[in-house]
Amino acid sequence: MRRYAPLLLCGWIWCAQAEAPEPAAPVQEGTLANQKLIQDAMVGVAAWVATKGCQAPERFVPVVLEPSRGEPGSRYWQERWTVIGCGAEYPVVIDFRETGLESAMWTITR
């Protein structure tokens, strides 16, 4: 086992130093969300930004990263909302998914 320890250590270091994947390039400016979904998601986004140290976000700039796919009522897409405030920018990637014709859910992925 001892002779494999340096090899395992090198592998671990290599994995730890691997760069994070580049964020996806926007395919469209703006958001695909309706006003109600924007309001609902903004509560979670503001809370997420608060955990990063900004209690007073000023505005957000949404872009679509992945276009809408699927049938009406079960479509899904991904957006990045860049929150600007407290002298910094906070990119928030959100997955949206319709859960029926009149409802949707969202998840902050990073």
PDB file of N, CA and C in Angstrom:
ATOM      1  N   MET A   1       0.822  -1.193   0.000  1.00  0.00           N
ATOM      2  CA  MET A   1       0.000   0.000   0.000  1.00  0.00           C
ATOM      3  C   MET A   1       0.866   1.258   0.000  1.00  0.00           C
ATOM      4  N   ARG A   2       1.989   1.217   0.710  1.00  0.00           N
ATOM      5  CA  ARG A   2       2.833   2.411   0.792  1.00  0.00           C
ATOM      6  C   ARG A   2       3.380   2.819  -0.571  1.00  0.00           C
ATOM      7  N   ARG A   3       3.643   1.854  -1.420  1.00  0.00           N
ATOM      8  CA  ARG A   3       4.210   2.223  -2.717  1.00  0.00           C
ATOM      9  C   ARG A   3       3.170   2.899  -3.610  1.00  0.00           C
ATOM     10  N   TYR A   4       1.879   2.724  -3.302  1.00  0.00           N
ATOM     11  CA  TYR A   4       0.831   3.371  -4.084  1.00  0.00           C
ATOM     12  C   TYR A   4       0.456   4.744  -3.537  1.00  0.00           C
ATOM     13  N   ALA A   5       0.867   5.036  -2.327  1.00  0.00           N
ATOM     14  CA  ALA A   5       0.506   6.312  -1.699  1.00  0.00           C
ATOM     15  C   ALA A   5       0.964   7.513  -2.520  1.00  0.00           C
ATOM     16  N   PRO A   6       2.223   7.561  -3.018  1.00  0.00           N
ATOM     17  CA  PRO A   6       2.620   8.721  -3.829  1.00  0.00           C
ATOM     18  C   PRO A   6       1.784   8.852  -5.098  1.00  0.00           C
ATOM     19  N   LEU A   7       1.441   7.734  -5.700  1.00  0.00           N
ATOM     20  CA  LEU A   7       0.620   7.771  -6.905  1.00  0.00           C
ATOM     21  C   LEU A   7      -0.776   8.309  -6.594  1.00  0.00           C
ATOM     22  N   LEU A   8      -1.354   7.855  -5.499  1.00  0.00           N
ATOM     23  CA  LEU A   8      -2.665   8.350  -5.095  1.00  0.00           C
ATOM     24  C   LEU A   8      -2.616   9.833  -4.756  1.00  0.00           C
ATOM     25  N   LEU A   9      -1.550  10.256  -4.091  1.00  0.00           N
ATOM     26  CA  LEU A   9      -1.390  11.663  -3.745  1.00  0.00           C
ATOM     27  C   LEU A   9      -1.286  12.517  -5.002  1.00  0.00           C
ATOM     28  N   CYS A  10      -0.506  12.066  -5.976  1.00  0.00           N
ATOM     29  CA  CYS A  10      -0.372  12.813  -7.235  1.00  0.00           C
ATOM     30  C   CYS A  10      -1.721  12.913  -7.949  1.00  0.00           C
ATOM     31  N   GLY A  11      -2.462  11.821  -7.957  1.00  0.00           N
ATOM     32  CA  GLY A  11      -3.781  11.834  -8.587  1.00  0.00           C
ATOM     33  C   GLY A  11      -4.719  12.793  -7.897  1.00  0.00           C
ATOM     34  N   TRP A  12      -4.680  12.815  -6.572  1.00  0.00           N
ATOM     35  CA  TRP A  12      -5.541  13.718  -5.825  1.00  0.00           C
ATOM     36  C   TRP A  12      -5.174  15.173  -6.108  1.00  0.00           C
ATOM     37  N   ILE A  13      -3.880  15.474  -6.127  1.00  0.00           N
ATOM     38  CA  ILE A  13      -3.430  16.845  -6.401  1.00  0.00           C
ATOM     39  C   ILE A  13      -3.845  17.266  -7.802  1.00  0.00           C
ATOM     40  N   TRP A  14      -3.690  16.364  -8.768  1.00  0.00           N
ATOM     41  CA  TRP A  14      -4.062  16.679 -10.143  1.00  0.00           C
ATOM     42  C   TRP A  14      -5.553  17.002 -10.226  1.00  0.00           C
ATOM     43  N   CYS A  15      -6.384  16.212  -9.565  1.00  0.00           N
ATOM     44  CA  CYS A  15      -7.830  16.460  -9.574  1.00  0.00           C
ATOM     45  C   CYS A  15      -8.170  17.763  -8.869  1.00  0.00           C
ATOM     46  N   ALA A  16      -7.489  18.049  -7.781  1.00  0.00           N
ATOM     47  CA  ALA A  16      -7.766  19.271  -7.022  1.00  0.00           C
ATOM     48  C   ALA A  16      -7.395  20.510  -7.815  1.00  0.00           C
ATOM     49  N   GLN A  17      -6.396  20.392  -8.695  1.00  0.00           N
ATOM     50  CA  GLN A  17      -5.949  21.541  -9.466  1.00  0.00           C
ATOM     51  C   GLN A  17      -6.693  21.696 -10.781  1.00  0.00           C
ATOM     52  N   ALA A  18      -7.524  20.739 -11.122  1.00  0.00           N
ATOM     53  CA  ALA A  18      -8.271  20.825 -12.377  1.00  0.00           C
ATOM     54  C   ALA A  18      -9.141  22.073 -12.346  1.00  0.00           C
ATOM     55  N   GLU A  19      -9.163  22.768 -13.452  1.00  0.00           N
ATOM     56  CA  GLU A  19      -9.939  23.995 -13.522  1.00  0.00           C
ATOM     57  C   GLU A  19     -11.422  23.677 -13.613  1.00  0.00           C
ATOM     58  N   ALA A  20     -12.206  24.562 -13.036  1.00  0.00           N
ATOM     59  CA  ALA A  20     -13.655  24.432 -13.155  1.00  0.00           C
ATOM     60  C   ALA A  20     -14.038  24.706 -14.605  1.00  0.00           C
ATOM     61  N   PRO A  21     -15.096  24.080 -15.093  1.00  0.00           N
ATOM     62  CA  PRO A  21     -15.495  24.319 -16.472  1.00  0.00           C
ATOM     63  C   PRO A  21     -15.911  25.767 -16.673  1.00  0.00           C
ATOM     64  N   GLU A  22     -15.657  26.272 -17.860  1.00  0.00           N
ATOM     65  CA  GLU A  22     -16.047  27.637 -18.194  1.00  0.00           C
ATOM     66  C   GLU A  22     -17.570  27.738 -18.190  1.00  0.00           C
ATOM     67  N   PRO A  23     -18.104  28.867 -17.714  1.00  0.00           N
ATOM     68  CA  PRO A  23     -19.550  29.023 -17.767  1.00  0.00           C
ATOM     69  C   PRO A  23     -20.018  29.035 -19.221  1.00  0.00           C
ATOM     70  N   ALA A  24     -21.213  28.567 -19.434  1.00  0.00           N
ATOM     71  CA  ALA A  24     -21.767  28.543 -20.779  1.00  0.00           C
ATOM     72  C   ALA A  24     -21.952  29.967 -21.291  1.00  0.00           C
ATOM     73  N   ALA A  25     -21.778  30.138 -22.588  1.00  0.00           N
ATOM     74  CA  ALA A  25     -21.983  31.444 -23.207  1.00  0.00           C
ATOM     75  C   ALA A  25     -23.484  31.690 -23.348  1.00  0.00           C
ATOM     76  N   PRO A  26     -23.923  32.917 -23.124  1.00  0.00           N
ATOM     77  CA  PRO A  26     -25.351  33.211 -23.249  1.00  0.00           C
ATOM     78  C   PRO A  26     -25.841  32.987 -24.678  1.00  0.00           C
ATOM     79  N   VAL A  27     -27.061  32.495 -24.806  1.00  0.00           N
ATOM     80  CA  VAL A  27     -27.667  32.336 -26.119  1.00  0.00           C
ATOM     81  C   VAL A  27     -28.705  33.426 -26.377  1.00  0.00           C
ATOM     82  N   GLN A  28     -29.101  34.136 -25.316  1.00  0.00           N
ATOM     83  CA  GLN A  28     -30.113  35.175 -25.448  1.00  0.00           C
ATOM     84  C   GLN A  28     -30.043  36.087 -24.230  1.00  0.00           C
ATOM     85  N   GLU A  29     -30.183  37.383 -24.455  1.00  0.00           N
ATOM     86  CA  GLU A  29     -30.267  38.310 -23.333  1.00  0.00           C
ATOM     87  C   GLU A  29     -31.681  38.275 -22.768  1.00  0.00           C
ATOM     88  N   GLY A  30     -31.811  38.604 -21.498  1.00  0.00           N
ATOM     89  CA  GLY A  30     -33.116  38.618 -20.857  1.00  0.00           C
ATOM     90  C   GLY A  30     -33.437  37.286 -20.215  1.00  0.00           C
ATOM     91  N   THR A  31     -34.699  37.092 -19.897  1.00  0.00           N
ATOM     92  CA  THR A  31     -35.152  35.887 -19.213  1.00  0.00           C
ATOM     93  C   THR A  31     -36.353  35.293 -19.934  1.00  0.00           C
ATOM     94  N   LEU A  32     -36.544  34.001 -19.793  1.00  0.00           N
ATOM     95  CA  LEU A  32     -37.732  33.330 -20.323  1.00  0.00           C
ATOM     96  C   LEU A  32     -38.823  33.224 -19.258  1.00  0.00           C
ATOM     97  N   ALA A  33     -38.495  33.604 -18.033  1.00  0.00           N
ATOM     98  CA  ALA A  33     -39.438  33.502 -16.915  1.00  0.00           C
ATOM     99  C   ALA A  33     -40.488  34.611 -16.992  1.00  0.00           C
ATOM    100  N   ASN A  34     -41.702  34.297 -16.532  1.00  0.00           N
ATOM    101  CA  ASN A  34     -42.735  35.326 -16.449  1.00  0.00           C
ATOM    102  C   ASN A  34     -42.543  36.122 -15.153  1.00  0.00           C
ATOM    103  N   GLN A  35     -43.341  37.168 -14.966  1.00  0.00           N
ATOM    104  CA  GLN A  35     -43.164  38.051 -13.802  1.00  0.00           C
ATOM    105  C   GLN A  35     -43.286  37.308 -12.479  1.00  0.00           C
ATOM    106  N   LYS A  36     -44.244  36.414 -12.369  1.00  0.00           N
ATOM    107  CA  LYS A  36     -44.441  35.666 -11.118  1.00  0.00           C
ATOM    108  C   LYS A  36     -43.228  34.794 -10.813  1.00  0.00           C
ATOM    109  N   LEU A  37     -42.707  34.103 -11.835  1.00  0.00           N
ATOM    110  CA  LEU A  37     -41.539  33.243 -11.639  1.00  0.00           C
ATOM    111  C   LEU A  37     -40.302  34.074 -11.302  1.00  0.00           C
ATOM    112  N   ILE A  38     -40.165  35.241 -11.924  1.00  0.00           N
ATOM    113  CA  ILE A  38     -39.051  36.143 -11.597  1.00  0.00           C
ATOM    114  C   ILE A  38     -39.131  36.551 -10.129  1.00  0.00           C
ATOM    115  N   GLN A  39     -40.321  36.954  -9.674  1.00  0.00           N
ATOM    116  CA  GLN A  39     -40.490  37.365  -8.279  1.00  0.00           C
ATOM    117  C   GLN A  39     -40.164  36.226  -7.322  1.00  0.00           C
ATOM    118  N   ASP A  40     -40.649  35.030  -7.633  1.00  0.00           N
ATOM    119  CA  ASP A  40     -40.389  33.874  -6.768  1.00  0.00           C
ATOM    120  C   ASP A  40     -38.899  33.550  -6.708  1.00  0.00           C
ATOM    121  N   ALA A  41     -38.258  33.508  -7.871  1.00  0.00           N
ATOM    122  CA  ALA A  41     -36.835  33.160  -7.918  1.00  0.00           C
ATOM    123  C   ALA A  41     -35.973  34.250  -7.284  1.00  0.00           C
ATOM    124  N   MET A  42     -36.388  35.509  -7.418  1.00  0.00           N
ATOM    125  CA  MET A  42     -35.586  36.610  -6.882  1.00  0.00           C
ATOM    126  C   MET A  42     -35.435  36.509  -5.367  1.00  0.00           C
ATOM    127  N   VAL A  43     -36.435  35.992  -4.681  1.00  0.00           N
ATOM    128  CA  VAL A  43     -36.330  35.811  -3.227  1.00  0.00           C
ATOM    129  C   VAL A  43     -35.168  34.872  -2.914  1.00  0.00           C
ATOM    130  N   GLY A  44     -35.107  33.748  -3.616  1.00  0.00           N
ATOM    131  CA  GLY A  44     -34.018  32.794  -3.406  1.00  0.00           C
ATOM    132  C   GLY A  44     -32.676  33.329  -3.847  1.00  0.00           C
ATOM    133  N   VAL A  45     -32.659  34.056  -4.957  1.00  0.00           N
ATOM    134  CA  VAL A  45     -31.407  34.631  -5.458  1.00  0.00           C
ATOM    135  C   VAL A  45     -30.877  35.663  -4.465  1.00  0.00           C
ATOM    136  N   ALA A  46     -31.755  36.511  -3.936  1.00  0.00           N
ATOM    137  CA  ALA A  46     -31.325  37.511  -2.953  1.00  0.00           C
ATOM    138  C   ALA A  46     -30.779  36.837  -1.697  1.00  0.00           C
ATOM    139  N   ALA A  47     -31.413  35.748  -1.278  1.00  0.00           N
ATOM    140  CA  ALA A  47     -30.916  35.013  -0.106  1.00  0.00           C
ATOM    141  C   ALA A  47     -29.555  34.392  -0.391  1.00  0.00           C
ATOM    142  N   TRP A  48     -29.370  33.859  -1.599  1.00  0.00           N
ATOM    143  CA  TRP A  48     -28.083  33.259  -1.976  1.00  0.00           C
ATOM    144  C   TRP A  48     -26.987  34.323  -1.987  1.00  0.00           C
ATOM    145  N   VAL A  49     -27.300  35.492  -2.564  1.00  0.00           N
ATOM    146  CA  VAL A  49     -26.322  36.588  -2.614  1.00  0.00           C
ATOM    147  C   VAL A  49     -26.005  37.068  -1.198  1.00  0.00           C
ATOM    148  N   ALA A  50     -26.988  37.065  -0.310  1.00  0.00           N
ATOM    149  CA  ALA A  50     -26.747  37.470   1.081  1.00  0.00           C
ATOM    150  C   ALA A  50     -25.741  36.546   1.753  1.00  0.00           C
ATOM    151  N   THR A  51     -25.762  35.255   1.401  1.00  0.00           N
ATOM    152  CA  THR A  51     -24.774  34.332   1.984  1.00  0.00           C
ATOM    153  C   THR A  51     -23.372  34.633   1.491  1.00  0.00           C
ATOM    154  N   LYS A  52     -23.280  35.378   0.383  1.00  0.00           N
ATOM    155  CA  LYS A  52     -21.971  35.772  -0.158  1.00  0.00           C
ATOM    156  C   LYS A  52     -21.521  37.122   0.389  1.00  0.00           C
ATOM    157  N   GLY A  53     -22.346  37.728   1.251  1.00  0.00           N
ATOM    158  CA  GLY A  53     -21.945  38.962   1.914  1.00  0.00           C
ATOM    159  C   GLY A  53     -22.622  40.221   1.429  1.00  0.00           C
ATOM    160  N   CYS A  54     -23.556  40.121   0.495  1.00  0.00           N
ATOM    161  CA  CYS A  54     -24.234  41.317  -0.009  1.00  0.00           C
ATOM    162  C   CYS A  54     -25.685  41.313   0.460  1.00  0.00           C
ATOM    163  N   GLN A  55     -26.007  42.225   1.352  1.00  0.00           N
ATOM    164  CA  GLN A  55     -27.358  42.326   1.893  1.00  0.00           C
ATOM    165  C   GLN A  55     -28.239  43.279   1.088  1.00  0.00           C
ATOM    166  N   ALA A  56     -27.648  44.031   0.160  1.00  0.00           N
ATOM    167  CA  ALA A  56     -28.413  45.040  -0.575  1.00  0.00           C
ATOM    168  C   ALA A  56     -28.148  44.959  -2.077  1.00  0.00           C
ATOM    169  N   PRO A  57     -28.635  43.906  -2.751  1.00  0.00           N
ATOM    170  CA  PRO A  57     -28.458  43.849  -4.202  1.00  0.00           C
ATOM    171  C   PRO A  57     -29.216  44.993  -4.868  1.00  0.00           C
ATOM    172  N   GLU A  58     -28.622  45.557  -5.906  1.00  0.00           N
ATOM    173  CA  GLU A  58     -29.210  46.716  -6.567  1.00  0.00           C
ATOM    174  C   GLU A  58     -30.006  46.341  -7.806  1.00  0.00           C
ATOM    175  N   ARG A  59     -29.475  45.428  -8.612  1.00  0.00           N
ATOM    176  CA  ARG A  59     -30.189  45.012  -9.821  1.00  0.00           C
ATOM    177  C   ARG A  59     -29.657  43.674 -10.289  1.00  0.00           C
ATOM    178  N   PHE A  60     -30.341  43.082 -11.254  1.00  0.00           N
ATOM    179  CA  PHE A  60     -29.864  41.831 -11.816  1.00  0.00           C
ATOM    180  C   PHE A  60     -29.952  41.892 -13.332  1.00  0.00           C
ATOM    181  N   VAL A  61     -29.033  41.196 -13.972  1.00  0.00           N
ATOM    182  CA  VAL A  61     -28.980  41.147 -15.429  1.00  0.00           C
ATOM    183  C   VAL A  61     -29.112  39.678 -15.838  1.00  0.00           C
ATOM    184  N   PRO A  62     -30.273  39.284 -16.362  1.00  0.00           N
ATOM    185  CA  PRO A  62     -30.464  37.880 -16.729  1.00  0.00           C
ATOM    186  C   PRO A  62     -30.045  37.602 -18.170  1.00  0.00           C
ATOM    187  N   VAL A  63     -29.500  36.407 -18.390  1.00  0.00           N
ATOM    188  CA  VAL A  63     -29.234  35.899 -19.736  1.00  0.00           C
ATOM    189  C   VAL A  63     -29.618  34.424 -19.761  1.00  0.00           C
ATOM    190  N   VAL A  64     -30.076  33.968 -20.908  1.00  0.00           N
ATOM    191  CA  VAL A  64     -30.432  32.565 -21.091  1.00  0.00           C
ATOM    192  C   VAL A  64     -29.173  31.818 -21.511  1.00  0.00           C
ATOM    193  N   LEU A  65     -28.834  30.758 -20.770  1.00  0.00           N
ATOM    194  CA  LEU A  65     -27.667  29.936 -21.098  1.00  0.00           C
ATOM    195  C   LEU A  65     -28.043  28.736 -21.958  1.00  0.00           C
ATOM    196  N   GLU A  66     -29.194  28.148 -21.671  1.00  0.00           N
ATOM    197  CA  GLU A  66     -29.701  27.014 -22.451  1.00  0.00           C
ATOM    198  C   GLU A  66     -31.134  27.328 -22.835  1.00  0.00           C
ATOM    199  N   PRO A  67     -31.459  27.273 -24.126  1.00  0.00           N
ATOM    200  CA  PRO A  67     -32.821  27.595 -24.546  1.00  0.00           C
ATOM    201  C   PRO A  67     -33.833  26.580 -24.020  1.00  0.00           C
ATOM    202  N   SER A  68     -35.073  26.991 -24.034  1.00  0.00           N
ATOM    203  CA  SER A  68     -36.162  26.139 -23.562  1.00  0.00           C
ATOM    204  C   SER A  68     -36.263  24.884 -24.422  1.00  0.00           C
ATOM    205  N   ARG A  69     -36.407  23.748 -23.739  1.00  0.00           N
ATOM    206  CA  ARG A  69     -36.576  22.461 -24.419  1.00  0.00           C
ATOM    207  C   ARG A  69     -37.769  21.749 -23.803  1.00  0.00           C
ATOM    208  N   GLY A  70     -38.369  20.855 -24.568  1.00  0.00           N
ATOM    209  CA  GLY A  70     -39.478  20.067 -24.053  1.00  0.00           C
ATOM    210  C   GLY A  70     -40.821  20.572 -24.538  1.00  0.00           C
ATOM    211  N   GLU A  71     -41.847  19.892 -24.100  1.00  0.00           N
ATOM    212  CA  GLU A  71     -43.224  20.217 -24.465  1.00  0.00           C
ATOM    213  C   GLU A  71     -43.801  21.224 -23.470  1.00  0.00           C
ATOM    214  N   PRO A  72     -44.780  22.044 -23.901  1.00  0.00           N
ATOM    215  CA  PRO A  72     -45.423  22.963 -22.963  1.00  0.00           C
ATOM    216  C   PRO A  72     -45.919  22.219 -21.722  1.00  0.00           C
ATOM    217  N   GLY A  73     -45.611  22.784 -20.578  1.00  0.00           N
ATOM    218  CA  GLY A  73     -45.972  22.166 -19.309  1.00  0.00           C
ATOM    219  C   GLY A  73     -44.850  21.345 -18.698  1.00  0.00           C
ATOM    220  N   SER A  74     -43.835  21.051 -19.501  1.00  0.00           N
ATOM    221  CA  SER A  74     -42.679  20.293 -18.978  1.00  0.00           C
ATOM    222  C   SER A  74     -41.369  20.817 -19.556  1.00  0.00           C
ATOM    223  N   ARG A  75     -41.377  22.062 -20.008  1.00  0.00           N
ATOM    224  CA  ARG A  75     -40.156  22.651 -20.577  1.00  0.00           C
ATOM    225  C   ARG A  75     -39.135  22.930 -19.482  1.00  0.00           C
ATOM    226  N   TYR A  76     -37.891  23.003 -19.889  1.00  0.00           N
ATOM    227  CA  TYR A  76     -36.808  23.331 -18.959  1.00  0.00           C
ATOM    228  C   TYR A  76     -35.780  24.172 -19.696  1.00  0.00           C
ATOM    229  N   TRP A  77     -35.086  25.014 -18.934  1.00  0.00           N
ATOM    230  CA  TRP A  77     -34.043  25.872 -19.488  1.00  0.00           C
ATOM    231  C   TRP A  77     -33.141  26.336 -18.360  1.00  0.00           C
ATOM    232  N   GLN A  78     -32.023  26.981 -18.730  1.00  0.00           N
ATOM    233  CA  GLN A  78     -31.068  27.462 -17.729  1.00  0.00           C
ATOM    234  C   GLN A  78     -30.740  28.921 -18.017  1.00  0.00           C
ATOM    235  N   GLU A  79     -30.639  29.692 -16.948  1.00  0.00           N
ATOM    236  CA  GLU A  79     -30.296  31.108 -17.054  1.00  0.00           C
ATOM    237  C   GLU A  79     -29.199  31.454 -16.056  1.00  0.00           C
ATOM    238  N   ARG A  80     -28.513  32.559 -16.331  1.00  0.00           N
ATOM    239  CA  ARG A  80     -27.576  33.128 -15.363  1.00  0.00           C
ATOM    240  C   ARG A  80     -28.067  34.537 -15.058  1.00  0.00           C
ATOM    241  N   TRP A  81     -28.328  34.777 -13.793  1.00  0.00           N
ATOM    242  CA  TRP A  81     -28.697  36.108 -13.345  1.00  0.00           C
ATOM    243  C   TRP A  81     -27.475  36.691 -12.650  1.00  0.00           C
ATOM    244  N   THR A  82     -26.910  37.731 -13.226  1.00  0.00           N
ATOM    245  CA  THR A  82     -25.784  38.406 -12.590  1.00  0.00           C
ATOM    246  C   THR A  82     -26.355  39.498 -11.691  1.00  0.00           C
ATOM    247  N   VAL A  83     -26.191  39.301 -10.397  1.00  0.00           N
ATOM    248  CA  VAL A  83     -26.699  40.256  -9.414  1.00  0.00           C
ATOM    249  C   VAL A  83     -25.602  41.278  -9.157  1.00  0.00           C
ATOM    250  N   ILE A  84     -25.969  42.547  -9.236  1.00  0.00           N
ATOM    251  CA  ILE A  84     -25.015  43.632  -9.046  1.00  0.00           C
ATOM    252  C   ILE A  84     -25.393  44.372  -7.770  1.00  0.00           C
ATOM    253  N   GLY A  85     -24.409  44.525  -6.892  1.00  0.00           N
ATOM    254  CA  GLY A  85     -24.645  45.222  -5.636  1.00  0.00           C
ATOM    255  C   GLY A  85     -23.463  45.089  -4.709  1.00  0.00           C
ATOM    256  N   CYS A  86     -23.382  45.961  -3.736  1.00  0.00           N
ATOM    257  CA  CYS A  86     -22.319  45.925  -2.727  1.00  0.00           C
ATOM    258  C   CYS A  86     -20.936  46.006  -3.371  1.00  0.00           C
ATOM    259  N   GLY A  87     -20.845  46.686  -4.501  1.00  0.00           N
ATOM    260  CA  GLY A  87     -19.560  46.860  -5.169  1.00  0.00           C
ATOM    261  C   GLY A  87     -19.036  45.622  -5.872  1.00  0.00           C
ATOM    262  N   ALA A  88     -19.908  44.650  -6.131  1.00  0.00           N
ATOM    263  CA  ALA A  88     -19.457  43.407  -6.773  1.00  0.00           C
ATOM    264  C   ALA A  88     -20.560  42.856  -7.674  1.00  0.00           C
ATOM    265  N   GLU A  89     -20.179  41.850  -8.456  1.00  0.00           N
ATOM    266  CA  GLU A  89     -21.130  41.116  -9.285  1.00  0.00           C
ATOM    267  C   GLU A  89     -21.168  39.669  -8.813  1.00  0.00           C
ATOM    268  N   TYR A  90     -22.364  39.110  -8.745  1.00  0.00           N
ATOM    269  CA  TYR A  90     -22.566  37.744  -8.273  1.00  0.00           C
ATOM    270  C   TYR A  90     -23.318  36.960  -9.347  1.00  0.00           C
ATOM    271  N   PRO A  91     -22.628  36.135 -10.128  1.00  0.00           N
ATOM    272  CA  PRO A  91     -23.333  35.334 -11.130  1.00  0.00           C
ATOM    273  C   PRO A  91     -24.048  34.155 -10.466  1.00  0.00           C
ATOM    274  N   VAL A  92     -25.334  34.028 -10.735  1.00  0.00           N
ATOM    275  CA  VAL A  92     -26.151  32.965 -10.151  1.00  0.00           C
ATOM    276  C   VAL A  92     -26.759  32.163 -11.307  1.00  0.00           C
ATOM    277  N   VAL A  93     -26.419  30.881 -11.393  1.00  0.00           N
ATOM    278  CA  VAL A  93     -26.958  30.020 -12.450  1.00  0.00           C
ATOM    279  C   VAL A  93     -28.190  29.308 -11.902  1.00  0.00           C
ATOM    280  N   ILE A  94     -29.285  29.406 -12.652  1.00  0.00           N
ATOM    281  CA  ILE A  94     -30.572  28.877 -12.206  1.00  0.00           C
ATOM    282  C   ILE A  94     -31.132  27.929 -13.263  1.00  0.00           C
ATOM    283  N   ASP A  95     -31.559  26.755 -12.824  1.00  0.00           N
ATOM    284  CA  ASP A  95     -32.292  25.827 -13.682  1.00  0.00           C
ATOM    285  C   ASP A  95     -33.778  26.046 -13.450  1.00  0.00           C
ATOM    286  N   PHE A  96     -34.523  26.227 -14.540  1.00  0.00           N
ATOM    287  CA  PHE A  96     -35.973  26.374 -14.470  1.00  0.00           C
ATOM    288  C   PHE A  96     -36.622  25.143 -15.091  1.00  0.00           C
ATOM    289  N   ARG A  97     -37.758  24.731 -14.527  1.00  0.00           N
ATOM    290  CA  ARG A  97     -38.505  23.586 -15.064  1.00  0.00           C
ATOM    291  C   ARG A  97     -39.993  23.815 -14.833  1.00  0.00           C
ATOM    292  N   GLU A  98     -40.760  23.732 -15.920  1.00  0.00           N
ATOM    293  CA  GLU A  98     -42.209  23.819 -15.785  1.00  0.00           C
ATOM    294  C   GLU A  98     -42.728  22.556 -15.109  1.00  0.00           C
ATOM    295  N   THR A  99     -43.704  22.749 -14.235  1.00  0.00           N
ATOM    296  CA  THR A  99     -44.313  21.612 -13.536  1.00  0.00           C
ATOM    297  C   THR A  99     -45.810  21.565 -13.831  1.00  0.00           C
ATOM    298  N   GLY A 100     -46.160  21.967 -15.012  1.00  0.00           N
ATOM    299  CA  GLY A 100     -47.548  22.051 -15.455  1.00  0.00           C
ATOM    300  C   GLY A 100     -47.687  23.274 -16.333  1.00  0.00           C
ATOM    301  N   LEU A 101     -48.880  23.484 -16.861  1.00  0.00           N
ATOM    302  CA  LEU A 101     -49.069  24.610 -17.774  1.00  0.00           C
ATOM    303  C   LEU A 101     -49.050  25.958 -17.069  1.00  0.00           C
ATOM    304  N   GLU A 102     -49.322  25.991 -15.787  1.00  0.00           N
ATOM    305  CA  GLU A 102     -49.377  27.260 -15.053  1.00  0.00           C
ATOM    306  C   GLU A 102     -48.393  27.325 -13.894  1.00  0.00           C
ATOM    307  N   SER A 103     -47.413  26.435 -13.854  1.00  0.00           N
ATOM    308  CA  SER A 103     -46.486  26.455 -12.720  1.00  0.00           C
ATOM    309  C   SER A 103     -45.088  26.043 -13.165  1.00  0.00           C
ATOM    310  N   ALA A 104     -44.127  26.447 -12.368  1.00  0.00           N
ATOM    311  CA  ALA A 104     -42.728  26.117 -12.652  1.00  0.00           C
ATOM    312  C   ALA A 104     -41.953  26.125 -11.344  1.00  0.00           C
ATOM    313  N   MET A 105     -40.797  25.498 -11.381  1.00  0.00           N
ATOM    314  CA  MET A 105     -39.905  25.514 -10.224  1.00  0.00           C
ATOM    315  C   MET A 105     -38.525  25.951 -10.694  1.00  0.00           C
ATOM    316  N   TRP A 106     -37.703  26.355  -9.754  1.00  0.00           N
ATOM    317  CA  TRP A 106     -36.355  26.798 -10.078  1.00  0.00           C
ATOM    318  C   TRP A 106     -35.395  26.255  -9.034  1.00  0.00           C
ATOM    319  N   THR A 107     -34.142  26.103  -9.453  1.00  0.00           N
ATOM    320  CA  THR A 107     -33.093  25.620  -8.562  1.00  0.00           C
ATOM    321  C   THR A 107     -31.816  26.386  -8.862  1.00  0.00           C
ATOM    322  N   ILE A 108     -31.189  26.934  -7.828  1.00  0.00           N
ATOM    323  CA  ILE A 108     -29.884  27.576  -8.009  1.00  0.00           C
ATOM    324  C   ILE A 108     -28.846  26.468  -8.076  1.00  0.00           C
ATOM    325  N   THR A 109     -28.122  26.418  -9.198  1.00  0.00           N
ATOM    326  CA  THR A 109     -27.144  25.349  -9.374  1.00  0.00           C
ATOM    327  C   THR A 109     -25.738  25.785  -9.011  1.00  0.00           C
ATOM    328  N   ARG A 110     -25.449  27.068  -9.136  1.00  0.00           N
ATOM    329  CA  ARG A 110     -24.145  27.596  -8.721  1.00  0.00           C
ATOM    330  C   ARG A 110     -24.174  29.099  -8.762  1.00  0.00           C
TER     331      ARG A 110
END
